[in-house]
PDB file of N, CA and C in Angstrom:
ATOM      1  N   MET A   1     -31.976-133.567  -2.743  1.00  0.00           N
ATOM      2  CA  MET A   1     -32.794-133.249  -3.896  1.00  0.00           C
ATOM      3  C   MET A   1     -33.193-134.515  -4.649  1.00  0.00           C
ATOM      4  N   ILE A   2     -32.260-135.458  -4.780  1.00  0.00           N
ATOM      5  CA  ILE A   2     -32.561-136.711  -5.482  1.00  0.00           C
ATOM      6  C   ILE A   2     -33.622-137.502  -4.723  1.00  0.00           C
ATOM      7  N   TRP A   3     -33.541-137.476  -3.386  1.00  0.00           N
ATOM      8  CA  TRP A   3     -34.527-138.207  -2.581  1.00  0.00           C
ATOM      9  C   TRP A   3     -35.924-137.635  -2.789  1.00  0.00           C
ATOM     10  N   ILE A   4     -36.024-136.321  -2.865  1.00  0.00           N
ATOM     11  CA  ILE A   4     -37.326-135.683  -3.037  1.00  0.00           C
ATOM     12  C   ILE A   4     -37.933-136.066  -4.382  1.00  0.00           C
ATOM     13  N   ILE A   5     -37.118-136.044  -5.435  1.00  0.00           N
ATOM     14  CA  ILE A   5     -37.603-136.411  -6.764  1.00  0.00           C
ATOM     15  C   ILE A   5     -38.009-137.884  -6.785  1.00  0.00           C
ATOM     16  N   SER A   6     -37.206-138.726  -6.160  1.00  0.00           N
ATOM     17  CA  SER A   6     -37.500-140.156  -6.141  1.00  0.00           C
ATOM     18  C   SER A   6     -38.799-140.454  -5.408  1.00  0.00           C
ATOM     19  N   ILE A   7     -38.997-139.829  -4.270  1.00  0.00           N
ATOM     20  CA  ILE A   7     -40.223-140.045  -3.499  1.00  0.00           C
ATOM     21  C   ILE A   7     -41.432-139.519  -4.259  1.00  0.00           C
ATOM     22  N   ALA A   8     -41.296-138.358  -4.899  1.00  0.00           N
ATOM     23  CA  ALA A   8     -42.409-137.800  -5.663  1.00  0.00           C
ATOM     24  C   ALA A   8     -42.785-138.705  -6.833  1.00  0.00           C
ATOM     25  N   LEU A   9     -41.786-139.231  -7.533  1.00  0.00           N
ATOM     26  CA  LEU A   9     -42.071-140.132  -8.652  1.00  0.00           C
ATOM     27  C   LEU A   9     -42.727-141.420  -8.177  1.00  0.00           C
ATOM     28  N   SER A  10     -42.237-141.976  -7.081  1.00  0.00           N
ATOM     29  CA  SER A  10     -42.813-143.233  -6.606  1.00  0.00           C
ATOM     30  C   SER A  10     -44.253-143.033  -6.127  1.00  0.00           C
ATOM     31  N   LEU A  11     -44.529-141.912  -5.466  1.00  0.00           N
ATOM     32  CA  LEU A  11     -45.904-141.639  -5.048  1.00  0.00           C
ATOM     33  C   LEU A  11     -46.801-141.407  -6.257  1.00  0.00           C
ATOM     34  N   GLY A  12     -46.280-140.726  -7.269  1.00  0.00           N
ATOM     35  CA  GLY A  12     -47.063-140.505  -8.481  1.00  0.00           C
ATOM     36  C   GLY A  12     -47.410-141.813  -9.173  1.00  0.00           C
ATOM     37  N   PHE A  13     -46.418-142.709  -9.305  1.00  0.00           N
ATOM     38  CA  PHE A  13     -46.680-144.010  -9.927  1.00  0.00           C
ATOM     39  C   PHE A  13     -47.639-144.847  -9.095  1.00  0.00           C
ATOM     40  N   LYS A  14     -47.536-144.740  -7.777  1.00  0.00           N
ATOM     41  CA  LYS A  14     -48.430-145.510  -6.909  1.00  0.00           C
ATOM     42  C   LYS A  14     -49.874-145.018  -7.056  1.00  0.00           C
ATOM     43  N   LEU A  15     -50.068-143.708  -7.074  1.00  0.00           N
ATOM     44  CA  LEU A  15     -51.416-143.167  -7.258  1.00  0.00           C
ATOM     45  C   LEU A  15     -51.971-143.525  -8.631  1.00  0.00           C
ATOM     46  N   TYR A  16     -51.130-143.467  -9.657  1.00  0.00           N
ATOM     47  CA  TYR A  16     -51.570-143.852 -10.999  1.00  0.00           C
ATOM     48  C   TYR A  16     -51.952-145.327 -11.029  1.00  0.00           C
ATOM     49  N   GLY A  17     -51.185-146.155 -10.333  1.00  0.00           N
ATOM     50  CA  GLY A  17     -51.485-147.584 -10.277  1.00  0.00           C
ATOM     51  C   GLY A  17     -52.801-147.881  -9.574  1.00  0.00           C
ATOM     52  N   PHE A  18     -53.105-147.103  -8.533  1.00  0.00           N
ATOM     53  CA  PHE A  18     -54.375-147.315  -7.843  1.00  0.00           C
ATOM     54  C   PHE A  18     -55.559-146.931  -8.731  1.00  0.00           C
ATOM     55  N   LYS A  19     -55.414-145.858  -9.497  1.00  0.00           N
ATOM     56  CA  LYS A  19     -56.522-145.382 -10.319  1.00  0.00           C
ATOM     57  C   LYS A  19     -56.694-146.190 -11.603  1.00  0.00           C
ATOM     58  N   HIS A  20     -55.607-146.706 -12.159  1.00  0.00           N
ATOM     59  CA  HIS A  20     -55.650-147.393 -13.453  1.00  0.00           C
ATOM     60  C   HIS A  20     -55.070-148.799 -13.343  1.00  0.00           C
ATOM     61  N   SER A  21     -55.510-149.549 -12.357  1.00  0.00           N
ATOM     62  CA  SER A  21     -54.914-150.867 -12.118  1.00  0.00           C
ATOM     63  C   SER A  21     -55.246-151.869 -13.226  1.00  0.00           C
ATOM     64  N   GLU A  22     -56.353-151.687 -13.926  1.00  0.00           N
ATOM     65  CA  GLU A  22     -56.702-152.637 -14.983  1.00  0.00           C
ATOM     66  C   GLU A  22     -55.800-152.473 -16.207  1.00  0.00           C
ATOM     67  N   GLN A  23     -55.179-151.313 -16.385  1.00  0.00           N
ATOM     68  CA  GLN A  23     -54.328-151.083 -17.545  1.00  0.00           C
ATOM     69  C   GLN A  23     -52.888-151.531 -17.319  1.00  0.00           C
ATOM     70  N   LEU A  24     -52.519-151.751 -16.084  1.00  0.00           N
ATOM     71  CA  LEU A  24     -51.123-152.068 -15.787  1.00  0.00           C
ATOM     72  C   LEU A  24     -50.867-153.555 -15.904  1.00  0.00           C
ATOM     73  N   SER A  25     -49.831-153.893 -16.611  1.00  0.00           N
ATOM     74  CA  SER A  25     -49.355-155.273 -16.635  1.00  0.00           C
ATOM     75  C   SER A  25     -47.881-155.263 -16.256  1.00  0.00           C
ATOM     76  N   ILE A  26     -47.467-156.227 -15.485  1.00  0.00           N
ATOM     77  CA  ILE A  26     -46.101-156.258 -14.983  1.00  0.00           C
ATOM     78  C   ILE A  26     -45.177-156.737 -16.095  1.00  0.00           C
ATOM     79  N   ASN A  27     -44.209-155.915 -16.402  1.00  0.00           N
ATOM     80  CA  ASN A  27     -43.203-156.247 -17.390  1.00  0.00           C
ATOM     81  C   ASN A  27     -41.867-156.301 -16.645  1.00  0.00           C
ATOM     82  N   TYR A  28     -41.255-157.465 -16.610  1.00  0.00           N
ATOM     83  CA  TYR A  28     -40.077-157.651 -15.776  1.00  0.00           C
ATOM     84  C   TYR A  28     -38.884-156.843 -16.270  1.00  0.00           C
ATOM     85  N   GLU A  29     -38.821-156.540 -17.569  1.00  0.00           N
ATOM     86  CA  GLU A  29     -37.728-155.703 -18.058  1.00  0.00           C
ATOM     87  C   GLU A  29     -37.840-154.281 -17.515  1.00  0.00           C
ATOM     88  N   ILE A  30     -39.073-153.771 -17.450  1.00  0.00           N
ATOM     89  CA  ILE A  30     -39.276-152.422 -16.928  1.00  0.00           C
ATOM     90  C   ILE A  30     -38.948-152.375 -15.438  1.00  0.00           C
ATOM     91  N   ILE A  31     -39.351-153.391 -14.698  1.00  0.00           N
ATOM     92  CA  ILE A  31     -39.031-153.442 -13.270  1.00  0.00           C
ATOM     93  C   ILE A  31     -37.526-153.494 -13.070  1.00  0.00           C
ATOM     94  N   PHE A  32     -36.836-154.296 -13.875  1.00  0.00           N
ATOM     95  CA  PHE A  32     -35.379-154.393 -13.796  1.00  0.00           C
ATOM     96  C   PHE A  32     -34.735-153.034 -14.045  1.00  0.00           C
ATOM     97  N   LEU A  33     -35.219-152.316 -15.058  1.00  0.00           N
ATOM     98  CA  LEU A  33     -34.666-150.991 -15.359  1.00  0.00           C
ATOM     99  C   LEU A  33     -34.956-149.994 -14.237  1.00  0.00           C
ATOM    100  N   LEU A  34     -36.160-150.043 -13.686  1.00  0.00           N
ATOM    101  CA  LEU A  34     -36.503-149.113 -12.608  1.00  0.00           C
ATOM    102  C   LEU A  34     -35.663-149.359 -11.361  1.00  0.00           C
ATOM    103  N   VAL A  35     -35.282-150.612 -11.127  1.00  0.00           N
ATOM    104  CA  VAL A  35     -34.491-150.931  -9.940  1.00  0.00           C
ATOM    105  C   VAL A  35     -33.024-150.573 -10.142  1.00  0.00           C
ATOM    106  N   PHE A  36     -32.457-150.923 -11.300  1.00  0.00           N
ATOM    107  CA  PHE A  36     -31.011-150.809 -11.470  1.00  0.00           C
ATOM    108  C   PHE A  36     -30.550-149.572 -12.229  1.00  0.00           C
ATOM    109  N   ALA A  37     -31.413-148.917 -12.987  1.00  0.00           N
ATOM    110  CA  ALA A  37     -30.985-147.765 -13.779  1.00  0.00           C
ATOM    111  C   ALA A  37     -30.492-146.594 -12.925  1.00  0.00           C
ATOM    112  N   PRO A  38     -31.163-146.235 -11.820  1.00  0.00           N
ATOM    113  CA  PRO A  38     -30.644-145.103 -11.025  1.00  0.00           C
ATOM    114  C   PRO A  38     -29.246-145.350 -10.470  1.00  0.00           C
ATOM    115  N   SER A  39     -28.966-146.559 -10.021  1.00  0.00           N
ATOM    116  CA  SER A  39     -27.633-146.835  -9.488  1.00  0.00           C
ATOM    117  C   SER A  39     -26.588-146.810 -10.593  1.00  0.00           C
ATOM    118  N   LEU A  40     -26.957-147.244 -11.792  1.00  0.00           N
ATOM    119  CA  LEU A  40     -26.015-147.179 -12.911  1.00  0.00           C
ATOM    120  C   LEU A  40     -25.710-145.740 -13.295  1.00  0.00           C
ATOM    121  N   VAL A  41     -26.727-144.888 -13.278  1.00  0.00           N
ATOM    122  CA  VAL A  41     -26.517-143.479 -13.611  1.00  0.00           C
ATOM    123  C   VAL A  41     -25.608-142.821 -12.583  1.00  0.00           C
ATOM    124  N   VAL A  42     -25.844-143.077 -11.309  1.00  0.00           N
ATOM    125  CA  VAL A  42     -25.008-142.502 -10.254  1.00  0.00           C
ATOM    126  C   VAL A  42     -23.573-142.994 -10.387  1.00  0.00           C
ATOM    127  N   THR A  43     -23.395-144.273 -10.673  1.00  0.00           N
ATOM    128  CA  THR A  43     -22.052-144.826 -10.845  1.00  0.00           C
ATOM    129  C   THR A  43     -21.344-144.168 -12.020  1.00  0.00           C
ATOM    130  N   MET A  44     -22.045-143.976 -13.124  1.00  0.00           N
ATOM    131  CA  MET A  44     -21.425-143.327 -14.285  1.00  0.00           C
ATOM    132  C   MET A  44     -21.042-141.882 -13.975  1.00  0.00           C
ATOM    133  N   ILE A  45     -21.870-141.168 -13.220  1.00  0.00           N
ATOM    134  CA  ILE A  45     -21.552-139.787 -12.860  1.00  0.00           C
ATOM    135  C   ILE A  45     -20.312-139.740 -11.979  1.00  0.00           C
ATOM    136  N   ILE A  46     -20.209-140.638 -11.011  1.00  0.00           N
ATOM    137  CA  ILE A  46     -19.046-140.674 -10.124  1.00  0.00           C
ATOM    138  C   ILE A  46     -17.780-140.978 -10.916  1.00  0.00           C
ATOM    139  N   ILE A  47     -17.854-141.941 -11.816  1.00  0.00           N
ATOM    140  CA  ILE A  47     -16.686-142.297 -12.623  1.00  0.00           C
ATOM    141  C   ILE A  47     -16.280-141.134 -13.521  1.00  0.00           C
ATOM    142  N   LEU A  48     -17.250-140.465 -14.146  1.00  0.00           N
ATOM    143  CA  LEU A  48     -16.924-139.322 -14.999  1.00  0.00           C
ATOM    144  C   LEU A  48     -16.296-138.179 -14.213  1.00  0.00           C
ATOM    145  N   LYS A  49     -16.782-137.928 -13.011  1.00  0.00           N
ATOM    146  CA  LYS A  49     -16.193-136.880 -12.181  1.00  0.00           C
ATOM    147  C   LYS A  49     -14.749-137.211 -11.853  1.00  0.00           C
ATOM    148  N   LYS A  50     -14.458-138.468 -11.514  1.00  0.00           N
ATOM    149  CA  LYS A  50     -13.095-138.852 -11.190  1.00  0.00           C
ATOM    150  C   LYS A  50     -12.190-138.791 -12.419  1.00  0.00           C
ATOM    151  N   LEU A  51     -12.714-139.157 -13.573  1.00  0.00           N
ATOM    152  CA  LEU A  51     -11.908-139.105 -14.799  1.00  0.00           C
ATOM    153  C   LEU A  51     -11.618-137.661 -15.220  1.00  0.00           C
ATOM    154  N   LEU A  52     -12.574-136.773 -15.015  1.00  0.00           N
ATOM    155  CA  LEU A  52     -12.383-135.384 -15.426  1.00  0.00           C
ATOM    156  C   LEU A  52     -11.469-134.622 -14.469  1.00  0.00           C
ATOM    157  N   LYS A  53     -11.322-135.087 -13.232  1.00  0.00           N
ATOM    158  CA  LYS A  53     -10.426-134.426 -12.286  1.00  0.00           C
ATOM    159  C   LYS A  53      -8.970-134.653 -12.668  1.00  0.00           C
ATOM    160  N   HIS A  54      -8.654-135.805 -13.210  1.00  0.00           N
ATOM    161  CA  HIS A  54      -7.241-136.141 -13.509  1.00  0.00           C
ATOM    162  C   HIS A  54      -6.851-135.747 -14.891  1.00  0.00           C
TER     163      HIS A  54
END
């Protein structure tokens, strides 16, 4: 399910980028968040699950 949502979001952003390329400017903080935020969320969920089991 996560893969489907991720692929749909990436295709949506890619299509938006093709149509509105003049409005997009690369912001390195946003790129950093897009790359590392999903892994941080997954890590926090795993840690919370392990903490709640004990």
